[in-house]
Structure formats: C-alpha cells, structure tokens
C-alpha atoms as a PDB file:
ATOM      1  CA  MET A   1     -72.282 -18.956  17.305  1.00  0.00           C
ATOM      2  CA  SER A   2     -71.283 -22.367  18.630  1.00  0.00           C
ATOM      3  CA  PRO A   3     -67.617 -23.364  18.465  1.00  0.00           C
ATOM      4  CA  ALA A   4     -66.535 -25.741  15.730  1.00  0.00           C
ATOM      5  CA  ALA A   5     -66.219 -29.378  16.708  1.00  0.00           C
ATOM      6  CA  PRO A   6     -62.618 -30.537  17.099  1.00  0.00           C
ATOM      7  CA  ALA A   7     -61.176 -32.274  14.062  1.00  0.00           C
ATOM      8  CA  HIS A   8     -60.334 -35.942  14.150  1.00  0.00           C
ATOM      9  CA  PRO A   9     -56.641 -36.723  14.566  1.00  0.00           C
ATOM     10  CA  HIS A  10     -54.540 -36.829  11.413  1.00  0.00           C
ATOM     11  CA  ILE A  11     -52.991 -40.229  10.685  1.00  0.00           C
ATOM     12  CA  LEU A  12     -49.932 -40.893   8.544  1.00  0.00           C
ATOM     13  CA  ILE A  13     -49.761 -44.396   7.010  1.00  0.00           C
ATOM     14  CA  VAL A  14     -46.328 -45.607   5.869  1.00  0.00           C
ATOM     15  CA  GLU A  15     -46.814 -48.860   3.958  1.00  0.00           C
ATOM     16  CA  ASP A  16     -45.094 -50.071   0.787  1.00  0.00           C
ATOM     17  CA  ASP A  17     -47.878 -52.430  -0.347  1.00  0.00           C
ATOM     18  CA  GLU A  18     -50.187 -50.219  -2.418  1.00  0.00           C
ATOM     19  CA  VAL A  19     -53.261 -52.437  -1.949  1.00  0.00           C
ATOM     20  CA  ILE A  20     -52.909 -52.502   1.845  1.00  0.00           C
ATOM     21  CA  ARG A  21     -52.012 -48.801   1.981  1.00  0.00           C
ATOM     22  CA  GLU A  22     -55.040 -47.673  -0.002  1.00  0.00           C
ATOM     23  CA  ALA A  23     -57.451 -50.089   1.665  1.00  0.00           C
ATOM     24  CA  THR A  24     -56.301 -48.873   5.097  1.00  0.00           C
ATOM     25  CA  ARG A  25     -56.543 -45.234   4.038  1.00  0.00           C
ATOM     26  CA  MET A  26     -60.109 -45.658   2.779  1.00  0.00           C
ATOM     27  CA  ALA A  27     -61.135 -47.559   5.913  1.00  0.00           C
ATOM     28  CA  LEU A  28     -59.777 -44.857   8.240  1.00  0.00           C
ATOM     29  CA  GLU A  29     -61.341 -42.077   6.183  1.00  0.00           C
ATOM     30  CA  ARG A  30     -64.718 -43.804   6.511  1.00  0.00           C
ATOM     31  CA  TYR A  31     -64.295 -43.431  10.277  1.00  0.00           C
ATOM     32  CA  GLY A  32     -63.638 -39.722   9.877  1.00  0.00           C
ATOM     33  CA  PHE A  33     -59.842 -39.631  10.154  1.00  0.00           C
ATOM     34  CA  PRO A  34     -57.852 -37.370   7.822  1.00  0.00           C
ATOM     35  CA  VAL A  35     -55.125 -39.561   6.326  1.00  0.00           C
ATOM     36  CA  SER A  36     -51.807 -39.012   4.556  1.00  0.00           C
ATOM     37  CA  THR A  37     -49.760 -41.849   3.062  1.00  0.00           C
ATOM     38  CA  ALA A  38     -46.184 -42.702   2.141  1.00  0.00           C
ATOM     39  CA  ALA A  39     -44.784 -45.710   0.268  1.00  0.00           C
ATOM     40  CA  ASP A  40     -41.322 -46.069   1.820  1.00  0.00           C
ATOM     41  CA  GLY A  41     -39.357 -45.070   4.880  1.00  0.00           C
ATOM     42  CA  LEU A  42     -37.659 -41.987   3.440  1.00  0.00           C
ATOM     43  CA  GLU A  43     -40.928 -40.718   1.972  1.00  0.00           C
ATOM     44  CA  GLY A  44     -42.510 -41.397   5.349  1.00  0.00           C
ATOM     45  CA  LEU A  45     -39.884 -39.275   7.103  1.00  0.00           C
ATOM     46  CA  GLU A  46     -40.507 -36.414   4.677  1.00  0.00           C
ATOM     47  CA  ALA A  47     -44.268 -36.751   5.143  1.00  0.00           C
ATOM     48  CA  PHE A  48     -43.859 -36.719   8.921  1.00  0.00           C
ATOM     49  CA  HIS A  49     -42.056 -33.368   8.758  1.00  0.00           C
ATOM     50  CA  ALA A  50     -44.518 -31.917   6.232  1.00  0.00           C
ATOM     51  CA  VAL A  51     -47.777 -33.158   7.783  1.00  0.00           C
ATOM     52  CA  ARG A  52     -46.947 -33.376  11.514  1.00  0.00           C
ATOM     53  CA  PRO A  53     -49.539 -36.127  12.065  1.00  0.00           C
ATOM     54  CA  ASP A  54     -51.184 -37.014  15.381  1.00  0.00           C
ATOM     55  CA  LEU A  55     -50.459 -40.723  14.952  1.00  0.00           C
ATOM     56  CA  LEU A  56     -48.120 -42.769  12.783  1.00  0.00           C
ATOM     57  CA  LEU A  57     -49.280 -46.143  11.404  1.00  0.00           C
ATOM     58  CA  LEU A  58     -46.021 -47.730  10.369  1.00  0.00           C
ATOM     59  CA  ASP A  59     -45.183 -50.973   8.557  1.00  0.00           C
ATOM     60  CA  VAL A  60     -42.130 -52.859   9.839  1.00  0.00           C
ATOM     61  CA  MET A  61     -40.813 -53.978   6.431  1.00  0.00           C
ATOM     62  CA  LEU A  62     -40.199 -50.924   4.236  1.00  0.00           C
ATOM     63  CA  PRO A  63     -37.788 -50.156   1.382  1.00  0.00           C
ATOM     64  CA  LEU A  64     -35.019 -47.518   1.658  1.00  0.00           C
ATOM     65  CA  LEU A  65     -35.522 -47.058   5.404  1.00  0.00           C
ATOM     66  CA  ASP A  66     -37.297 -49.813   7.324  1.00  0.00           C
ATOM     67  CA  GLY A  67     -40.014 -49.192   9.901  1.00  0.00           C
ATOM     68  CA  VAL A  68     -37.726 -49.780  12.881  1.00  0.00           C
ATOM     69  CA  GLY A  69     -35.196 -47.267  11.566  1.00  0.00           C
ATOM     70  CA  LEU A  70     -37.910 -44.729  10.788  1.00  0.00           C
ATOM     71  CA  CYS A  71     -39.402 -45.173  14.245  1.00  0.00           C
ATOM     72  CA  ARG A  72     -36.011 -44.468  15.833  1.00  0.00           C
ATOM     73  CA  ARG A  73     -35.490 -41.368  13.671  1.00  0.00           C
ATOM     74  CA  ILE A  74     -38.881 -39.954  14.622  1.00  0.00           C
ATOM     75  CA  ARG A  75     -38.387 -40.724  18.317  1.00  0.00           C
ATOM     76  CA  GLU A  76     -35.301 -38.480  18.253  1.00  0.00           C
ATOM     77  CA  GLU A  77     -37.577 -35.470  17.792  1.00  0.00           C
ATOM     78  CA  SER A  78     -41.150 -36.444  18.612  1.00  0.00           C
ATOM     79  CA  GLN A  79     -43.189 -38.445  21.121  1.00  0.00           C
ATOM     80  CA  LEU A  80     -46.268 -38.847  18.907  1.00  0.00           C
ATOM     81  CA  PRO A  81     -48.075 -42.196  19.171  1.00  0.00           C
ATOM     82  CA  ILE A  82     -46.693 -44.882  16.840  1.00  0.00           C
ATOM     83  CA  LEU A  83     -48.559 -48.062  15.946  1.00  0.00           C
ATOM     84  CA  MET A  84     -46.486 -50.656  14.085  1.00  0.00           C
ATOM     85  CA  MET A  85     -47.936 -53.016  11.464  1.00  0.00           C
ATOM     86  CA  SER A  86     -46.348 -56.366  10.733  1.00  0.00           C
ATOM     87  CA  ALA A  87     -47.280 -59.357   8.600  1.00  0.00           C
ATOM     88  CA  ARG A  88     -45.107 -61.492  10.864  1.00  0.00           C
ATOM     89  CA  THR A  89     -45.444 -62.382  14.535  1.00  0.00           C
ATOM     90  CA  ASP A  90     -41.755 -63.229  14.886  1.00  0.00           C
ATOM     91  CA  PRO A  91     -40.722 -62.135  18.406  1.00  0.00           C
ATOM     92  CA  VAL A  92     -37.640 -60.380  17.001  1.00  0.00           C
ATOM     93  CA  ASP A  93     -39.827 -58.341  14.639  1.00  0.00           C
ATOM     94  CA  VAL A  94     -42.243 -57.338  17.372  1.00  0.00           C
ATOM     95  CA  VAL A  95     -39.629 -56.561  20.015  1.00  0.00           C
ATOM     96  CA  SER A  96     -37.475 -54.572  17.578  1.00  0.00           C
ATOM     97  CA  GLY A  97     -40.388 -52.294  16.750  1.00  0.00           C
ATOM     98  CA  LEU A  98     -41.312 -51.786  20.401  1.00  0.00           C
ATOM     99  CA  GLU A  99     -37.706 -51.185  21.453  1.00  0.00           C
ATOM    100  CA  ALA A 100     -37.392 -48.554  18.732  1.00  0.00           C
ATOM    101  CA  GLY A 101     -40.173 -46.592  20.441  1.00  0.00           C
ATOM    102  CA  ALA A 102     -43.497 -47.884  19.091  1.00  0.00           C
ATOM    103  CA  ASP A 103     -46.463 -47.773  21.476  1.00  0.00           C
ATOM    104  CA  ASP A 104     -48.155 -50.921  20.189  1.00  0.00           C
ATOM    105  CA  TYR A 105     -48.432 -53.162  17.138  1.00  0.00           C
ATOM    106  CA  VAL A 106     -51.033 -54.924  15.006  1.00  0.00           C
ATOM    107  CA  VAL A 107     -50.579 -58.037  12.882  1.00  0.00           C
ATOM    108  CA  LYS A 108     -51.644 -58.015   9.231  1.00  0.00           C
ATOM    109  CA  PRO A 109     -54.152 -58.878   7.920  1.00  0.00           C
ATOM    110  CA  PHE A 110     -56.461 -57.057  10.318  1.00  0.00           C
ATOM    111  CA  GLU A 111     -60.095 -55.998  10.342  1.00  0.00           C
ATOM    112  CA  SER A 112     -60.603 -52.253  10.000  1.00  0.00           C
ATOM    113  CA  ALA A 113     -62.714 -52.210  13.169  1.00  0.00           C
ATOM    114  CA  VAL A 114     -59.865 -53.808  15.132  1.00  0.00           C
ATOM    115  CA  LEU A 115     -57.364 -51.312  13.733  1.00  0.00           C
ATOM    116  CA  VAL A 116     -59.557 -48.333  14.580  1.00  0.00           C
ATOM    117  CA  ALA A 117     -60.106 -49.654  18.099  1.00  0.00           C
ATOM    118  CA  ARG A 118     -56.324 -49.915  18.568  1.00  0.00           C
ATOM    119  CA  ILE A 119     -55.847 -46.389  17.188  1.00  0.00           C
ATOM    120  CA  ARG A 120     -58.477 -44.966  19.503  1.00  0.00           C
ATOM    121  CA  THR A 121     -56.874 -46.721  22.463  1.00  0.00           C
ATOM    122  CA  VAL A 122     -53.442 -45.255  21.699  1.00  0.00           C
ATOM    123  CA  LEU A 123     -54.863 -41.784  21.088  1.00  0.00           C
ATOM    124  CA  ARG A 124     -56.745 -41.789  24.382  1.00  0.00           C
ATOM    125  CA  ARG A 125     -53.402 -41.826  26.170  1.00  0.00           C
ATOM    126  CA  VAL A 126     -52.714 -38.324  24.911  1.00  0.00           C
ATOM    127  CA  ARG A 127     -56.367 -37.244  25.072  1.00  0.00           C
ATOM    128  CA  ILE A 128     -56.454 -36.414  21.351  1.00  0.00           C
ATOM    129  CA  VAL A 129     -59.860 -38.010  20.734  1.00  0.00           C
ATOM    130  CA  PRO A 130     -62.634 -36.364  22.824  1.00  0.00           C
ATOM    131  CA  ALA A 131     -65.241 -38.862  24.000  1.00  0.00           C
ATOM    132  CA  ALA A 132     -68.034 -37.060  22.123  1.00  0.00           C
ATOM    133  CA  GLU A 133     -65.985 -37.002  18.925  1.00  0.00           C
ATOM    134  CA  ALA A 134     -64.680 -40.565  18.890  1.00  0.00           C
ATOM    135  CA  PRO A 135     -65.318 -42.065  15.440  1.00  0.00           C
ATOM    136  CA  ALA A 136     -68.222 -44.525  15.352  1.00  0.00           C
ATOM    137  CA  PRO A 137     -69.287 -47.288  15.051  1.00  0.00           C
ATOM    138  CA  VAL A 138     -66.425 -49.107  16.779  1.00  0.00           C
ATOM    139  CA  PRO A 139     -67.069 -49.934  20.454  1.00  0.00           C
ATOM    140  CA  ALA A 140     -64.050 -49.113  22.599  1.00  0.00           C
ATOM    141  CA  PRO A 141     -63.071 -50.833  25.849  1.00  0.00           C
ATOM    142  CA  VAL A 142     -63.623 -48.692  28.904  1.00  0.00           C
ATOM    143  CA  PRO A 143     -60.215 -47.657  30.279  1.00  0.00           C
ATOM    144  CA  THR A 144     -59.488 -48.565  33.867  1.00  0.00           C
ATOM    145  CA  THR A 145     -58.618 -45.548  35.944  1.00  0.00           C
ATOM    146  CA  GLY A 146     -55.764 -46.140  38.342  1.00  0.00           C
ATOM    147  CA  PRO A 147     -55.588 -44.635  41.822  1.00  0.00           C
ATOM    148  CA  ALA A 148     -54.860 -40.949  41.904  1.00  0.00           C
ATOM    149  CA  THR A 149     -51.532 -39.550  43.012  1.00  0.00           C
ATOM    150  CA  ALA A 150     -50.913 -36.288  44.808  1.00  0.00           C
ATOM    151  CA  VAL A 151     -50.272 -33.145  42.830  1.00  0.00           C
ATOM    152  CA  THR A 152     -47.422 -31.256  44.399  1.00  0.00           C
ATOM    153  CA  ALA A 153     -46.688 -28.451  41.961  1.00  0.00           C
ATOM    154  CA  ASP A 154     -45.548 -25.133  43.385  1.00  0.00           C
ATOM    155  CA  THR A 155     -48.392 -22.621  43.253  1.00  0.00           C
ATOM    156  CA  PRO A 156     -48.387 -18.844  43.704  1.00  0.00           C
ATOM    157  CA  ASP A 157     -49.714 -17.287  46.915  1.00  0.00           C
ATOM    158  CA  ALA A 158     -53.502 -17.117  46.526  1.00  0.00           C
ATOM    159  CA  GLY A 159     -53.502 -13.632  48.023  1.00  0.00           C
ATOM    160  CA  ALA A 160     -50.920 -12.145  45.680  1.00  0.00           C
ATOM    161  CA  PRO A 161     -52.387 -10.072  42.841  1.00  0.00           C
ATOM    162  CA  VAL A 162     -51.543 -11.210  39.341  1.00  0.00           C
ATOM    163  CA  ALA A 163     -51.487  -8.629  36.528  1.00  0.00           C
ATOM    164  CA  VAL A 164     -53.709  -9.436  33.562  1.00  0.00           C
ATOM    165  CA  GLY A 165     -53.477  -6.722  30.930  1.00  0.00           C
ATOM    166  CA  SER A 166     -54.039  -3.476  32.796  1.00  0.00           C
ATOM    167  CA  THR A 167     -56.206  -5.043  35.526  1.00  0.00           C
ATOM    168  CA  ALA A 168     -54.984  -6.704  38.740  1.00  0.00           C
ATOM    169  CA  THR A 169     -56.706  -9.847  39.950  1.00  0.00           C
ATOM    170  CA  ASN A 170     -56.268 -12.149  42.924  1.00  0.00           C
ATOM    171  CA  THR A 171     -56.725 -15.272  40.764  1.00  0.00           C
ATOM    172  CA  PRO A 172     -53.397 -17.086  40.322  1.00  0.00           C
ATOM    173  CA  PRO A 173     -52.603 -18.969  37.112  1.00  0.00           C
ATOM    174  CA  ALA A 174     -53.398 -22.680  37.145  1.00  0.00           C
ATOM    175  CA  PRO A 175     -50.460 -24.780  38.320  1.00  0.00           C
ATOM    176  CA  ARG A 176     -48.752 -27.109  35.855  1.00  0.00           C
ATOM    177  CA  PRO A 177     -49.771 -30.748  36.348  1.00  0.00           C
ATOM    178  CA  VAL A 178     -46.551 -31.877  38.027  1.00  0.00           C
ATOM    179  CA  ARG A 179     -46.450 -34.988  40.194  1.00  0.00           C
ATOM    180  CA  SER A 180     -43.514 -35.550  42.531  1.00  0.00           C
ATOM    181  CA  PHE A 181     -42.341 -38.894  43.822  1.00  0.00           C
ATOM    182  CA  ASP A 182     -39.069 -39.594  45.662  1.00  0.00           C
ATOM    183  CA  GLY A 183     -36.850 -37.211  43.724  1.00  0.00           C
ATOM    184  CA  MET A 184     -38.747 -37.545  40.425  1.00  0.00           C
ATOM    185  CA  GLU A 185     -40.958 -34.839  38.963  1.00  0.00           C
ATOM    186  CA  VAL A 186     -43.399 -35.950  36.286  1.00  0.00           C
ATOM    187  CA  ASP A 187     -44.914 -33.228  34.109  1.00  0.00           C
ATOM    188  CA  THR A 188     -48.035 -34.804  32.620  1.00  0.00           C
ATOM    189  CA  GLU A 189     -48.591 -31.850  30.283  1.00  0.00           C
ATOM    190  CA  SER A 190     -45.219 -31.867  28.545  1.00  0.00           C
ATOM    191  CA  MET A 191     -44.810 -35.647  29.059  1.00  0.00           C
ATOM    192  CA  GLU A 192     -41.387 -35.276  30.679  1.00  0.00           C
ATOM    193  CA  VAL A 193     -39.819 -36.620  33.846  1.00  0.00           C
ATOM    194  CA  ARG A 194     -36.997 -34.982  35.777  1.00  0.00           C
ATOM    195  CA  VAL A 195     -34.673 -37.529  37.393  1.00  0.00           C
ATOM    196  CA  HIS A 196     -31.525 -36.419  39.249  1.00  0.00           C
ATOM    197  CA  GLY A 197     -31.770 -33.021  37.560  1.00  0.00           C
ATOM    198  CA  ARG A 198     -32.037 -34.568  34.089  1.00  0.00           C
ATOM    199  CA  LEU A 199     -35.151 -33.882  31.987  1.00  0.00           C
ATOM    200  CA  VAL A 200     -36.246 -36.921  29.967  1.00  0.00           C
ATOM    201  CA  PRO A 201     -39.113 -37.034  27.432  1.00  0.00           C
ATOM    202  CA  LEU A 202     -41.664 -39.833  27.707  1.00  0.00           C
ATOM    203  CA  THR A 203     -43.949 -41.345  25.119  1.00  0.00           C
ATOM    204  CA  PRO A 204     -47.673 -41.346  25.979  1.00  0.00           C
ATOM    205  CA  THR A 205     -47.485 -45.043  26.853  1.00  0.00           C
ATOM    206  CA  GLU A 206     -44.388 -44.627  29.019  1.00  0.00           C
ATOM    207  CA  LEU A 207     -46.113 -41.791  30.878  1.00  0.00           C
ATOM    208  CA  ARG A 208     -49.210 -43.899  31.592  1.00  0.00           C
ATOM    209  CA  LEU A 209     -47.020 -46.789  32.725  1.00  0.00           C
ATOM    210  CA  LEU A 210     -44.972 -44.582  35.059  1.00  0.00           C
ATOM    211  CA  LEU A 211     -48.101 -43.073  36.627  1.00  0.00           C
ATOM    212  CA  GLU A 212     -49.453 -46.562  37.305  1.00  0.00           C
ATOM    213  CA  PHE A 213     -46.225 -47.511  39.064  1.00  0.00           C
ATOM    214  CA  THR A 214     -45.936 -44.336  41.134  1.00  0.00           C
ATOM    215  CA  ALA A 215     -49.573 -44.668  42.220  1.00  0.00           C
ATOM    216  CA  ALA A 216     -48.831 -48.076  43.774  1.00  0.00           C
ATOM    217  CA  PRO A 217     -45.289 -48.094  45.212  1.00  0.00           C
ATOM    218  CA  GLY A 218     -44.276 -51.415  46.727  1.00  0.00           C
ATOM    219  CA  ILE A 219     -47.231 -53.258  45.203  1.00  0.00           C
ATOM    220  CA  VAL A 220     -46.695 -55.993  42.619  1.00  0.00           C
ATOM    221  CA  LEU A 221     -48.565 -55.156  39.418  1.00  0.00           C
ATOM    222  CA  GLU A 222     -49.265 -58.145  37.214  1.00  0.00           C
ATOM    223  CA  ARG A 223     -48.614 -57.858  33.498  1.00  0.00           C
ATOM    224  CA  SER A 224     -52.285 -58.514  32.758  1.00  0.00           C
ATOM    225  CA  ALA A 225     -53.287 -55.640  35.066  1.00  0.00           C
ATOM    226  CA  LEU A 226     -50.847 -53.294  33.327  1.00  0.00           C
ATOM    227  CA  LEU A 227     -52.175 -54.365  29.921  1.00  0.00           C
ATOM    228  CA  GLU A 228     -55.671 -53.466  31.093  1.00  0.00           C
ATOM    229  CA  ARG A 229     -54.794 -50.159  32.764  1.00  0.00           C
ATOM    230  CA  VAL A 230     -52.212 -48.797  30.330  1.00  0.00           C
ATOM    231  CA  TRP A 231     -53.162 -50.396  27.009  1.00  0.00           C
ATOM    232  CA  ASP A 232     -56.906 -50.731  27.754  1.00  0.00           C
ATOM    233  CA  TYR A 233     -56.813 -54.416  26.845  1.00  0.00           C
ATOM    234  CA  GLU A 234     -59.517 -56.441  28.540  1.00  0.00           C
ATOM    235  CA  TRP A 235     -58.539 -59.639  26.811  1.00  0.00           C
ATOM    236  CA  GLY A 236     -55.425 -61.779  26.674  1.00  0.00           C
ATOM    237  CA  ALA A 237     -52.742 -59.891  24.785  1.00  0.00           C
ATOM    238  CA  ASP A 238     -49.037 -60.107  24.131  1.00  0.00           C
ATOM    239  CA  THR A 239     -47.239 -59.395  27.412  1.00  0.00           C
ATOM    240  CA  ARG A 240     -44.050 -58.606  25.492  1.00  0.00           C
ATOM    241  CA  VAL A 241     -45.562 -55.152  25.014  1.00  0.00           C
ATOM    242  CA  VAL A 242     -45.380 -54.641  28.778  1.00  0.00           C
ATOM    243  CA  ASP A 243     -41.894 -56.104  29.148  1.00  0.00           C
ATOM    244  CA  VAL A 244     -40.355 -53.937  26.429  1.00  0.00           C
ATOM    245  CA  HIS A 245     -41.999 -50.757  27.724  1.00  0.00           C
ATOM    246  CA  VAL A 246     -40.770 -51.489  31.246  1.00  0.00           C
ATOM    247  CA  GLN A 247     -37.297 -51.952  29.809  1.00  0.00           C
ATOM    248  CA  ARG A 248     -37.544 -48.598  28.003  1.00  0.00           C
ATOM    249  CA  LEU A 249     -38.847 -46.886  31.130  1.00  0.00           C
ATOM    250  CA  ARG A 250     -36.013 -48.303  33.228  1.00  0.00           C
ATOM    251  CA  ALA A 251     -33.498 -46.851  30.778  1.00  0.00           C
ATOM    252  CA  LYS A 252     -35.024 -43.399  31.323  1.00  0.00           C
ATOM    253  CA  ILE A 253     -35.656 -43.290  35.087  1.00  0.00           C
ATOM    254  CA  GLY A 254     -33.097 -45.792  36.399  1.00  0.00           C
ATOM    255  CA  SER A 255     -33.070 -49.581  36.468  1.00  0.00           C
ATOM    256  CA  ASP A 256     -33.251 -49.679  40.269  1.00  0.00           C
ATOM    257  CA  ARG A 257     -36.732 -48.134  40.366  1.00  0.00           C
ATOM    258  CA  ILE A 258     -38.685 -51.034  38.836  1.00  0.00           C
ATOM    259  CA  GLU A 259     -38.172 -54.531  40.216  1.00  0.00           C
ATOM    260  CA  THR A 260     -39.093 -57.669  38.304  1.00  0.00           C
ATOM    261  CA  VAL A 261     -41.128 -60.116  40.380  1.00  0.00           C
ATOM    262  CA  ARG A 262     -40.567 -63.370  38.538  1.00  0.00           C
ATOM    263  CA  GLY A 263     -43.740 -65.139  37.487  1.00  0.00           C
ATOM    264  CA  PHE A 264     -45.985 -62.187  38.422  1.00  0.00           C
ATOM    265  CA  GLY A 265     -45.036 -58.785  37.078  1.00  0.00           C
ATOM    266  CA  TYR A 266     -43.295 -55.654  38.319  1.00  0.00           C
ATOM    267  CA  LYS A 267     -43.008 -53.594  41.482  1.00  0.00           C
ATOM    268  CA  PHE A 268     -42.094 -49.913  41.778  1.00  0.00           C
ATOM    269  CA  ARG A 269     -39.790 -49.326  44.696  1.00  0.00           C
ATOM    270  CA  ARG A 270     -38.440 -46.293  46.423  1.00  0.00           C
ATOM    271  CA  PRO A 271     -34.716 -45.630  45.965  1.00  0.00           C
ATOM    272  CA  ALA A 272     -32.453 -46.777  48.791  1.00  0.00           C
END
C-alpha cells in the first residue's frame, strides 16, 4: 500500500472585506490549499490558536486588532510564515508590517496566480511544499542555492553501540543540522540561533538570510542578490524587504555582525 501524499499547507486568511476574503479563499482552494478565514484581528488570533495554520495571509488594516498588532502577538509564540496584504504602498504601512515580523507582503488588488506564487516562495523556506506536490498551474521561480557551509554538529563515536529496543547497533543517530560560525550556533531544524549563550528563535526568512551571510563572510552581498537568493525574486522588487529583515536580524544576533556598505548592500563580518 503506497503512502498517502502529503497534504497541502493550511492557510489562514484574516481579512475584513468579505468580497476579498471569499474571493481569495476560493482562489486558494482551487490550487488545492485548505483555507480557514477570519474577519477581524481578534477572530484571527482565535483562529490561529484553533487551526494552527502553516501560513498566515494577513491584511494590514483590520478592526479590533490591526494586522501589525496581530502579527506581533503571533510572533511572540510562533515563527510560522506570515504574508501581509495591503491596499496601500505607503512606506510606513509596509515597513510596520515587516518590522512586526512579516516575511513578505503583497499589494491589493492582486492576481491569484501572483499570490499563489508568493505563498509558494515563502513556504519553500520552511520546506512545507514538496516539489512534487506544489499546486499547479503557477510557474515558480527557481530558487538560487547559496554556497554550502560546514556542518559542525557533535556526533557520537561511530564505533559505540547504540541501543535500539532490545538490539544493539553500531549505527549512531543522525546529528542535528547545526552550523557553527564564530561563536554562533545555528540550528536549521528548530530555526534557532545561539549567540553568547542566548537561544534566539528565527523566522524562516531570517534563517535563510543568516545562512546566506555566514556562507560568505567578508563579501558584500547586494540587495538584489539577497532578494534573489532569500526571497526567490528574479525581478526588481522592493528592497525595503531586505533592509527591514537585516534590521531584525541585527537585533537578534548583534548589530556588529552585519555591516552596511552604502550604495551596495551588506557584509557579514567576524566579531573583533
């Protein structure tokens, strides 16, 4: 009997406009996504706890509790991907949502194909959508794979027997995917980084961004290159997304680790 195919990720839409909410729900369901909806921020918070979605599609302007406030509340307990929706392109609107912890944003009105492509891109960062199960028919940009970094997790002695049930075996358990770099330990499975003995959770986007930096210490990475490697954008996009995520990452790992190279981008440097 063949194993069941993995289910598509569950998406929670929090949008107060009923027409937009229902049209978005129907569009995502046509692509195979299970969808739950909420009409205001407080209802969205309740739905988040009840449903435990894989991705949150969140409007900025909401009654009772706005999207920025809801994003902050959820970030206190979860690192799930968050995609903000806004009918405005005001820089304050966009930056506020990103600073609150959103991974990306889309501007309304949007085509359903564009929205699904953005959702797939965000979900790929946490490997929720398997390649064979990605909802068609939207073509997705091919992600750029950055240079690999060394895995330096502690592993058991290969010759030491490990008890499994009542049988001893010489096969050690697989090491956790931990990457070490100049006093930092990045656990790519739990999406946490240990800095100066302090364990800090990362969002999927922050993790991808940090791995890009640690893979190229001392090298200036242009914003456009980071947009392509981390956000999978192969076209001109809003570089504020990069700037705000760098700012958030600095707050978690230390401001001295990432240097701004004016007019170009950012450089990861070793601590003095």
